Amino acid sequence: MTCMIYLDHNATTSVLPEVSEAMIPYFTSEWGNPSSAYKFGSKLKGAIEEARGQVAALIGAQLREVIFTSCGTESNNAAIHAALQANPQK
């Protein structure tokens, strides 16, 4: 039997079954804009804040230190911007 080893996780990666299961409601019935003012959106904002708390607890960070972005480029730009602001002389 041949075992495949996938080494292109930079491009995409598989999702763990338990993650897929947890996300199903947000793909099917609980989708929306968490930044909106309507009740449906505020419920989603609560779910995002709960996830932020879980990540913060997992890595020993404060809530304000956990930032969710939409892509790798946005993450890289935010990190570079923060590094430049923290050390403007460099």
PDB file of N, CA and C in Angstrom:
ATOM      1  N   MET A   1       0.841  -1.173   0.000  1.00  0.00           N
ATOM      2  CA  MET A   1       0.000   0.000   0.000  1.00  0.00           C
ATOM      3  C   MET A   1       0.890   1.242   0.000  1.00  0.00           C
ATOM      4  N   THR A   2       0.548   2.217  -0.829  1.00  0.00           N
ATOM      5  CA  THR A   2       1.294   3.460  -0.913  1.00  0.00           C
ATOM      6  C   THR A   2       0.624   4.509  -0.041  1.00  0.00           C
ATOM      7  N   CYS A   3       1.422   5.207   0.730  1.00  0.00           N
ATOM      8  CA  CYS A   3       0.909   6.265   1.594  1.00  0.00           C
ATOM      9  C   CYS A   3       1.311   7.615   0.995  1.00  0.00           C
ATOM     10  N   MET A   4       0.326   8.462   0.705  1.00  0.00           N
ATOM     11  CA  MET A   4       0.615   9.771   0.155  1.00  0.00           C
ATOM     12  C   MET A   4       1.046  10.722   1.274  1.00  0.00           C
ATOM     13  N   ILE A   5       2.069  11.504   1.004  1.00  0.00           N
ATOM     14  CA  ILE A   5       2.506  12.546   1.928  1.00  0.00           C
ATOM     15  C   ILE A   5       2.288  13.876   1.223  1.00  0.00           C
ATOM     16  N   TYR A   6       1.436  14.705   1.772  1.00  0.00           N
ATOM     17  CA  TYR A   6       1.076  15.987   1.169  1.00  0.00           C
ATOM     18  C   TYR A   6       1.967  17.070   1.751  1.00  0.00           C
ATOM     19  N   LEU A   7       2.710  17.775   0.902  1.00  0.00           N
ATOM     20  CA  LEU A   7       3.666  18.779   1.376  1.00  0.00           C
ATOM     21  C   LEU A   7       3.350  20.194   0.900  1.00  0.00           C
ATOM     22  N   ASP A   8       2.155  20.436   0.394  1.00  0.00           N
ATOM     23  CA  ASP A   8       1.815  21.763  -0.121  1.00  0.00           C
ATOM     24  C   ASP A   8       0.809  22.466   0.787  1.00  0.00           C
ATOM     25  N   HIS A   9       1.006  22.398   2.086  1.00  0.00           N
ATOM     26  CA  HIS A   9       0.073  23.028   3.024  1.00  0.00           C
ATOM     27  C   HIS A   9       0.095  24.547   2.936  1.00  0.00           C
ATOM     28  N   ASN A  10       1.091  25.108   2.261  1.00  0.00           N
ATOM     29  CA  ASN A  10       1.115  26.549   2.044  1.00  0.00           C
ATOM     30  C   ASN A  10      -0.062  26.975   1.163  1.00  0.00           C
ATOM     31  N   ALA A  11      -0.437  26.138   0.213  1.00  0.00           N
ATOM     32  CA  ALA A  11      -1.521  26.468  -0.711  1.00  0.00           C
ATOM     33  C   ALA A  11      -2.888  26.131  -0.121  1.00  0.00           C
ATOM     34  N   THR A  12      -3.014  24.960   0.453  1.00  0.00           N
ATOM     35  CA  THR A  12      -4.278  24.526   1.046  1.00  0.00           C
ATOM     36  C   THR A  12      -3.994  23.323   1.941  1.00  0.00           C
ATOM     37  N   THR A  13      -4.904  23.028   2.792  1.00  0.00           N
ATOM     38  CA  THR A  13      -4.735  21.877   3.671  1.00  0.00           C
ATOM     39  C   THR A  13      -6.099  21.278   3.977  1.00  0.00           C
ATOM     40  N   SER A  14      -6.110  20.039   4.359  1.00  0.00           N
ATOM     41  CA  SER A  14      -7.385  19.399   4.696  1.00  0.00           C
ATOM     42  C   SER A  14      -7.877  19.912   6.047  1.00  0.00           C
ATOM     43  N   VAL A  15      -9.163  19.789   6.250  1.00  0.00           N
ATOM     44  CA  VAL A  15      -9.782  20.241   7.493  1.00  0.00           C
ATOM     45  C   VAL A  15     -10.063  19.024   8.360  1.00  0.00           C
ATOM     46  N   LEU A  16      -9.722  19.108   9.620  1.00  0.00           N
ATOM     47  CA  LEU A  16     -10.021  18.014  10.541  1.00  0.00           C
ATOM     48  C   LEU A  16     -11.535  17.809  10.621  1.00  0.00           C
ATOM     49  N   PRO A  17     -11.986  16.565  10.735  1.00  0.00           N
ATOM     50  CA  PRO A  17     -13.431  16.295  10.788  1.00  0.00           C
ATOM     51  C   PRO A  17     -14.144  17.074  11.894  1.00  0.00           C
ATOM     52  N   GLU A  18     -13.524  17.209  13.057  1.00  0.00           N
ATOM     53  CA  GLU A  18     -14.185  17.934  14.147  1.00  0.00           C
ATOM     54  C   GLU A  18     -14.308  19.430  13.854  1.00  0.00           C
ATOM     55  N   VAL A  19     -13.375  19.973  13.082  1.00  0.00           N
ATOM     56  CA  VAL A  19     -13.463  21.379  12.675  1.00  0.00           C
ATOM     57  C   VAL A  19     -14.595  21.542  11.665  1.00  0.00           C
ATOM     58  N   SER A  20     -14.654  20.643  10.705  1.00  0.00           N
ATOM     59  CA  SER A  20     -15.738  20.658   9.713  1.00  0.00           C
ATOM     60  C   SER A  20     -17.098  20.613  10.401  1.00  0.00           C
ATOM     61  N   GLU A  21     -17.236  19.720  11.345  1.00  0.00           N
ATOM     62  CA  GLU A  21     -18.500  19.559  12.076  1.00  0.00           C
ATOM     63  C   GLU A  21     -18.867  20.843  12.819  1.00  0.00           C
ATOM     64  N   ALA A  22     -17.889  21.472  13.457  1.00  0.00           N
ATOM     65  CA  ALA A  22     -18.149  22.703  14.208  1.00  0.00           C
ATOM     66  C   ALA A  22     -18.521  23.867  13.292  1.00  0.00           C
ATOM     67  N   MET A  23     -18.034  23.855  12.062  1.00  0.00           N
ATOM     68  CA  MET A  23     -18.268  24.957  11.131  1.00  0.00           C
ATOM     69  C   MET A  23     -19.553  24.828  10.321  1.00  0.00           C
ATOM     70  N   ILE A  24     -20.154  23.640  10.271  1.00  0.00           N
ATOM     71  CA  ILE A  24     -21.346  23.420   9.440  1.00  0.00           C
ATOM     72  C   ILE A  24     -22.434  24.473   9.672  1.00  0.00           C
ATOM     73  N   PRO A  25     -22.775  24.819  10.907  1.00  0.00           N
ATOM     74  CA  PRO A  25     -23.825  25.833  11.082  1.00  0.00           C
ATOM     75  C   PRO A  25     -23.487  27.169  10.415  1.00  0.00           C
ATOM     76  N   TYR A  26     -22.213  27.536  10.397  1.00  0.00           N
ATOM     77  CA  TYR A  26     -21.819  28.826   9.830  1.00  0.00           C
ATOM     78  C   TYR A  26     -21.756  28.793   8.309  1.00  0.00           C
ATOM     79  N   PHE A  27     -21.763  27.610   7.723  1.00  0.00           N
ATOM     80  CA  PHE A  27     -21.817  27.469   6.272  1.00  0.00           C
ATOM     81  C   PHE A  27     -23.243  27.316   5.767  1.00  0.00           C
ATOM     82  N   THR A  28     -24.163  26.918   6.638  1.00  0.00           N
ATOM     83  CA  THR A  28     -25.512  26.584   6.184  1.00  0.00           C
ATOM     84  C   THR A  28     -26.596  27.514   6.729  1.00  0.00           C
ATOM     85  N   SER A  29     -26.675  27.696   8.025  1.00  0.00           N
ATOM     86  CA  SER A  29     -27.804  28.437   8.586  1.00  0.00           C
ATOM     87  C   SER A  29     -27.422  29.676   9.388  1.00  0.00           C
ATOM     88  N   GLU A  30     -26.188  29.805   9.792  1.00  0.00           N
ATOM     89  CA  GLU A  30     -25.795  30.919  10.653  1.00  0.00           C
ATOM     90  C   GLU A  30     -24.790  31.841   9.975  1.00  0.00           C
ATOM     91  N   TRP A  31     -24.904  31.964   8.662  1.00  0.00           N
ATOM     92  CA  TRP A  31     -23.987  32.818   7.921  1.00  0.00           C
ATOM     93  C   TRP A  31     -24.499  34.261   7.974  1.00  0.00           C
ATOM     94  N   GLY A  32     -23.658  35.201   7.762  1.00  0.00           N
ATOM     95  CA  GLY A  32     -24.047  36.607   7.766  1.00  0.00           C
ATOM     96  C   GLY A  32     -22.848  37.489   8.029  1.00  0.00           C
ATOM     97  N   ASN A  33     -23.101  38.755   8.235  1.00  0.00           N
ATOM     98  CA  ASN A  33     -22.050  39.735   8.466  1.00  0.00           C
ATOM     99  C   ASN A  33     -21.961  40.040   9.957  1.00  0.00           C
ATOM    100  N   PRO A  34     -20.905  39.588  10.633  1.00  0.00           N
ATOM    101  CA  PRO A  34     -20.799  39.819  12.073  1.00  0.00           C
ATOM    102  C   PRO A  34     -20.572  41.282  12.437  1.00  0.00           C
ATOM    103  N   SER A  35     -20.251  42.117  11.463  1.00  0.00           N
ATOM    104  CA  SER A  35     -20.041  43.543  11.729  1.00  0.00           C
ATOM    105  C   SER A  35     -21.318  44.355  11.561  1.00  0.00           C
ATOM    106  N   SER A  36     -22.401  43.719  11.181  1.00  0.00           N
ATOM    107  CA  SER A  36     -23.654  44.438  10.961  1.00  0.00           C
ATOM    108  C   SER A  36     -24.360  44.724  12.283  1.00  0.00           C
ATOM    109  N   ALA A  37     -25.317  45.630  12.220  1.00  0.00           N
ATOM    110  CA  ALA A  37     -26.034  46.039  13.429  1.00  0.00           C
ATOM    111  C   ALA A  37     -27.243  45.158  13.733  1.00  0.00           C
ATOM    112  N   TYR A  38     -27.697  44.366  12.774  1.00  0.00           N
ATOM    113  CA  TYR A  38     -28.900  43.575  13.012  1.00  0.00           C
ATOM    114  C   TYR A  38     -28.602  42.359  13.897  1.00  0.00           C
ATOM    115  N   LYS A  39     -29.651  41.808  14.502  1.00  0.00           N
ATOM    116  CA  LYS A  39     -29.519  40.739  15.495  1.00  0.00           C
ATOM    117  C   LYS A  39     -28.780  39.514  14.954  1.00  0.00           C
ATOM    118  N   PHE A  40     -29.072  39.137  13.718  1.00  0.00           N
ATOM    119  CA  PHE A  40     -28.435  37.975  13.104  1.00  0.00           C
ATOM    120  C   PHE A  40     -26.914  38.160  13.096  1.00  0.00           C
ATOM    121  N   GLY A  41     -26.467  39.360  12.736  1.00  0.00           N
ATOM    122  CA  GLY A  41     -25.036  39.649  12.705  1.00  0.00           C
ATOM    123  C   GLY A  41     -24.413  39.675  14.085  1.00  0.00           C
ATOM    124  N   SER A  42     -25.116  40.244  15.057  1.00  0.00           N
ATOM    125  CA  SER A  42     -24.541  40.322  16.401  1.00  0.00           C
ATOM    126  C   SER A  42     -24.375  38.935  17.020  1.00  0.00           C
ATOM    127  N   LYS A  43     -25.234  37.999  16.641  1.00  0.00           N
ATOM    128  CA  LYS A  43     -25.088  36.619  17.119  1.00  0.00           C
ATOM    129  C   LYS A  43     -23.784  36.020  16.581  1.00  0.00           C
ATOM    130  N   LEU A  44     -23.480  36.303  15.321  1.00  0.00           N
ATOM    131  CA  LEU A  44     -22.247  35.810  14.720  1.00  0.00           C
ATOM    132  C   LEU A  44     -21.027  36.469  15.350  1.00  0.00           C
ATOM    133  N   LYS A  45     -21.150  37.744  15.674  1.00  0.00           N
ATOM    134  CA  LYS A  45     -20.040  38.435  16.335  1.00  0.00           C
ATOM    135  C   LYS A  45     -19.736  37.756  17.666  1.00  0.00           C
ATOM    136  N   GLY A  46     -20.765  37.318  18.365  1.00  0.00           N
ATOM    137  CA  GLY A  46     -20.569  36.590  19.616  1.00  0.00           C
ATOM    138  C   GLY A  46     -19.800  35.297  19.408  1.00  0.00           C
ATOM    139  N   ALA A  47     -20.095  34.598  18.324  1.00  0.00           N
ATOM    140  CA  ALA A  47     -19.382  33.348  18.014  1.00  0.00           C
ATOM    141  C   ALA A  47     -17.913  33.627  17.714  1.00  0.00           C
ATOM    142  N   ILE A  48     -17.653  34.719  17.008  1.00  0.00           N
ATOM    143  CA  ILE A  48     -16.264  35.082  16.702  1.00  0.00           C
ATOM    144  C   ILE A  48     -15.525  35.458  17.981  1.00  0.00           C
ATOM    145  N   GLU A  49     -16.176  36.197  18.851  1.00  0.00           N
ATOM    146  CA  GLU A  49     -15.530  36.583  20.110  1.00  0.00           C
ATOM    147  C   GLU A  49     -15.274  35.364  20.998  1.00  0.00           C
ATOM    148  N   GLU A  50     -16.177  34.394  20.948  1.00  0.00           N
ATOM    149  CA  GLU A  50     -15.955  33.150  21.693  1.00  0.00           C
ATOM    150  C   GLU A  50     -14.718  32.426  21.148  1.00  0.00           C
ATOM    151  N   ALA A  51     -14.601  32.377  19.828  1.00  0.00           N
ATOM    152  CA  ALA A  51     -13.429  31.750  19.202  1.00  0.00           C
ATOM    153  C   ALA A  51     -12.158  32.511  19.563  1.00  0.00           C
ATOM    154  N   ARG A  52     -12.236  33.841  19.589  1.00  0.00           N
ATOM    155  CA  ARG A  52     -11.082  34.661  19.968  1.00  0.00           C
ATOM    156  C   ARG A  52     -10.637  34.313  21.392  1.00  0.00           C
ATOM    157  N   GLY A  53     -11.594  34.143  22.283  1.00  0.00           N
ATOM    158  CA  GLY A  53     -11.280  33.767  23.659  1.00  0.00           C
ATOM    159  C   GLY A  53     -10.635  32.398  23.746  1.00  0.00           C
ATOM    160  N   GLN A  54     -11.117  31.468  22.939  1.00  0.00           N
ATOM    161  CA  GLN A  54     -10.534  30.121  22.936  1.00  0.00           C
ATOM    162  C   GLN A  54      -9.096  30.146  22.430  1.00  0.00           C
ATOM    163  N   VAL A  55      -8.849  30.902  21.362  1.00  0.00           N
ATOM    164  CA  VAL A  55      -7.486  31.006  20.827  1.00  0.00           C
ATOM    165  C   VAL A  55      -6.579  31.690  21.842  1.00  0.00           C
ATOM    166  N   ALA A  56      -7.055  32.775  22.442  1.00  0.00           N
ATOM    167  CA  ALA A  56      -6.257  33.498  23.432  1.00  0.00           C
ATOM    168  C   ALA A  56      -5.883  32.588  24.598  1.00  0.00           C
ATOM    169  N   ALA A  57      -6.836  31.825  25.087  1.00  0.00           N
ATOM    170  CA  ALA A  57      -6.559  30.906  26.197  1.00  0.00           C
ATOM    171  C   ALA A  57      -5.555  29.834  25.785  1.00  0.00           C
ATOM    172  N   LEU A  58      -5.678  29.348  24.564  1.00  0.00           N
ATOM    173  CA  LEU A  58      -4.791  28.298  24.072  1.00  0.00           C
ATOM    174  C   LEU A  58      -3.345  28.763  23.981  1.00  0.00           C
ATOM    175  N   ILE A  59      -3.138  30.009  23.548  1.00  0.00           N
ATOM    176  CA  ILE A  59      -1.766  30.494  23.349  1.00  0.00           C
ATOM    177  C   ILE A  59      -1.284  31.430  24.447  1.00  0.00           C
ATOM    178  N   GLY A  60      -2.096  31.638  25.475  1.00  0.00           N
ATOM    179  CA  GLY A  60      -1.699  32.494  26.588  1.00  0.00           C
ATOM    180  C   GLY A  60      -1.632  33.964  26.216  1.00  0.00           C
ATOM    181  N   ALA A  61      -2.577  34.409  25.395  1.00  0.00           N
ATOM    182  CA  ALA A  61      -2.604  35.803  24.947  1.00  0.00           C
ATOM    183  C   ALA A  61      -3.806  36.524  25.540  1.00  0.00           C
ATOM    184  N   GLN A  62      -3.787  37.840  25.432  1.00  0.00           N
ATOM    185  CA  GLN A  62      -4.950  38.634  25.792  1.00  0.00           C
ATOM    186  C   GLN A  62      -5.881  38.683  24.581  1.00  0.00           C
ATOM    187  N   LEU A  63      -7.166  38.904  24.827  1.00  0.00           N
ATOM    188  CA  LEU A  63      -8.139  38.937  23.735  1.00  0.00           C
ATOM    189  C   LEU A  63      -7.738  39.933  22.656  1.00  0.00           C
ATOM    190  N   ARG A  64      -7.265  41.106  23.053  1.00  0.00           N
ATOM    191  CA  ARG A  64      -6.913  42.140  22.076  1.00  0.00           C
ATOM    192  C   ARG A  64      -5.706  41.765  21.223  1.00  0.00           C
ATOM    193  N   GLU A  65      -4.979  40.738  21.641  1.00  0.00           N
ATOM    194  CA  GLU A  65      -3.803  40.306  20.891  1.00  0.00           C
ATOM    195  C   GLU A  65      -4.133  39.275  19.810  1.00  0.00           C
ATOM    196  N   VAL A  66      -5.357  38.797  19.787  1.00  0.00           N
ATOM    197  CA  VAL A  66      -5.770  37.804  18.792  1.00  0.00           C
ATOM    198  C   VAL A  66      -6.533  38.530  17.686  1.00  0.00           C
ATOM    199  N   ILE A  67      -5.969  38.497  16.490  1.00  0.00           N
ATOM    200  CA  ILE A  67      -6.555  39.189  15.344  1.00  0.00           C
ATOM    201  C   ILE A  67      -6.842  38.165  14.253  1.00  0.00           C
ATOM    202  N   PHE A  68      -8.069  38.148  13.773  1.00  0.00           N
ATOM    203  CA  PHE A  68      -8.435  37.277  12.662  1.00  0.00           C
ATOM    204  C   PHE A  68      -8.359  38.089  11.374  1.00  0.00           C
ATOM    205  N   THR A  69      -7.747  37.518  10.353  1.00  0.00           N
ATOM    206  CA  THR A  69      -7.653  38.173   9.054  1.00  0.00           C
ATOM    207  C   THR A  69      -8.277  37.281   7.991  1.00  0.00           C
ATOM    208  N   SER A  70      -8.420  37.832   6.802  1.00  0.00           N
ATOM    209  CA  SER A  70      -9.079  37.083   5.728  1.00  0.00           C
ATOM    210  C   SER A  70      -8.120  36.278   4.870  1.00  0.00           C
ATOM    211  N   CYS A  71      -6.821  36.543   4.985  1.00  0.00           N
ATOM    212  CA  CYS A  71      -5.874  35.821   4.128  1.00  0.00           C
ATOM    213  C   CYS A  71      -4.447  36.009   4.641  1.00  0.00           C
ATOM    214  N   GLY A  72      -3.539  35.254   4.075  1.00  0.00           N
ATOM    215  CA  GLY A  72      -2.131  35.337   4.453  1.00  0.00           C
ATOM    216  C   GLY A  72      -1.525  36.694   4.161  1.00  0.00           C
ATOM    217  N   THR A  73      -1.888  37.299   3.039  1.00  0.00           N
ATOM    218  CA  THR A  73      -1.341  38.610   2.685  1.00  0.00           C
ATOM    219  C   THR A  73      -1.751  39.653   3.709  1.00  0.00           C
ATOM    220  N   GLU A  74      -3.011  39.650   4.115  1.00  0.00           N
ATOM    221  CA  GLU A  74      -3.476  40.592   5.129  1.00  0.00           C
ATOM    222  C   GLU A  74      -2.743  40.360   6.448  1.00  0.00           C
ATOM    223  N   SER A  75      -2.526  39.104   6.805  1.00  0.00           N
ATOM    224  CA  SER A  75      -1.794  38.774   8.030  1.00  0.00           C
ATOM    225  C   SER A  75      -0.362  39.283   7.968  1.00  0.00           C
ATOM    226  N   ASN A  76       0.308  39.029   6.841  1.00  0.00           N
ATOM    227  CA  ASN A  76       1.688  39.492   6.680  1.00  0.00           C
ATOM    228  C   ASN A  76       1.771  41.011   6.752  1.00  0.00           C
ATOM    229  N   ASN A  77       0.861  41.705   6.072  1.00  0.00           N
ATOM    230  CA  ASN A  77       0.861  43.166   6.097  1.00  0.00           C
ATOM    231  C   ASN A  77       0.634  43.703   7.506  1.00  0.00           C
ATOM    232  N   ALA A  78      -0.261  43.094   8.250  1.00  0.00           N
ATOM    233  CA  ALA A  78      -0.522  43.525   9.625  1.00  0.00           C
ATOM    234  C   ALA A  78       0.708  43.311  10.504  1.00  0.00           C
ATOM    235  N   ALA A  79       1.382  42.179  10.337  1.00  0.00           N
ATOM    236  CA  ALA A  79       2.583  41.892  11.130  1.00  0.00           C
ATOM    237  C   ALA A  79       3.707  42.868  10.795  1.00  0.00           C
ATOM    238  N   ILE A  80       3.904  43.152   9.512  1.00  0.00           N
ATOM    239  CA  ILE A  80       4.951  44.099   9.104  1.00  0.00           C
ATOM    240  C   ILE A  80       4.631  45.491   9.629  1.00  0.00           C
ATOM    241  N   HIS A  81       3.386  45.908   9.498  1.00  0.00           N
ATOM    242  CA  HIS A  81       2.965  47.222   9.990  1.00  0.00           C
ATOM    243  C   HIS A  81       3.196  47.343  11.499  1.00  0.00           C
ATOM    244  N   ALA A  82       2.816  46.321  12.245  1.00  0.00           N
ATOM    245  CA  ALA A  82       3.001  46.338  13.703  1.00  0.00           C
ATOM    246  C   ALA A  82       4.480  46.375  14.064  1.00  0.00           C
ATOM    247  N   ALA A  83       5.304  45.614  13.353  1.00  0.00           N
ATOM    248  CA  ALA A  83       6.745  45.601  13.632  1.00  0.00           C
ATOM    249  C   ALA A  83       7.363  46.964  13.353  1.00  0.00           C
ATOM    250  N   LEU A  84       6.946  47.606  12.276  1.00  0.00           N
ATOM    251  CA  LEU A  84       7.478  48.932  11.950  1.00  0.00           C
ATOM    252  C   LEU A  84       7.027  49.976  12.966  1.00  0.00           C
ATOM    253  N   GLN A  85       5.805  49.883  13.441  1.00  0.00           N
ATOM    254  CA  GLN A  85       5.321  50.821  14.454  1.00  0.00           C
ATOM    255  C   GLN A  85       6.028  50.616  15.788  1.00  0.00           C
ATOM    256  N   ALA A  86       6.346  49.374  16.113  1.00  0.00           N
ATOM    257  CA  ALA A  86       7.013  49.076  17.384  1.00  0.00           C
ATOM    258  C   ALA A  86       8.472  49.521  17.373  1.00  0.00           C
ATOM    259  N   ASN A  87       9.101  49.537  16.198  1.00  0.00           N
ATOM    260  CA  ASN A  87      10.517  49.899  16.069  1.00  0.00           C
ATOM    261  C   ASN A  87      10.697  50.883  14.918  1.00  0.00           C
ATOM    262  N   PRO A  88      10.231  52.126  15.065  1.00  0.00           N
ATOM    263  CA  PRO A  88      10.280  53.064  13.942  1.00  0.00           C
ATOM    264  C   PRO A  88      11.704  53.423  13.500  1.00  0.00           C
ATOM    265  N   GLN A  89      12.700  53.237  14.378  1.00  0.00           N
ATOM    266  CA  GLN A  89      14.076  53.576  14.025  1.00  0.00           C
ATOM    267  C   GLN A  89      14.696  52.558  13.081  1.00  0.00           C
ATOM    268  N   LYS A  90      14.171  51.358  13.041  1.00  0.00           N
ATOM    269  CA  LYS A  90      14.802  50.289  12.246  1.00  0.00           C
ATOM    270  C   LYS A  90      14.275  50.242  10.842  1.00  0.00           C
TER     271      LYS A  90
END
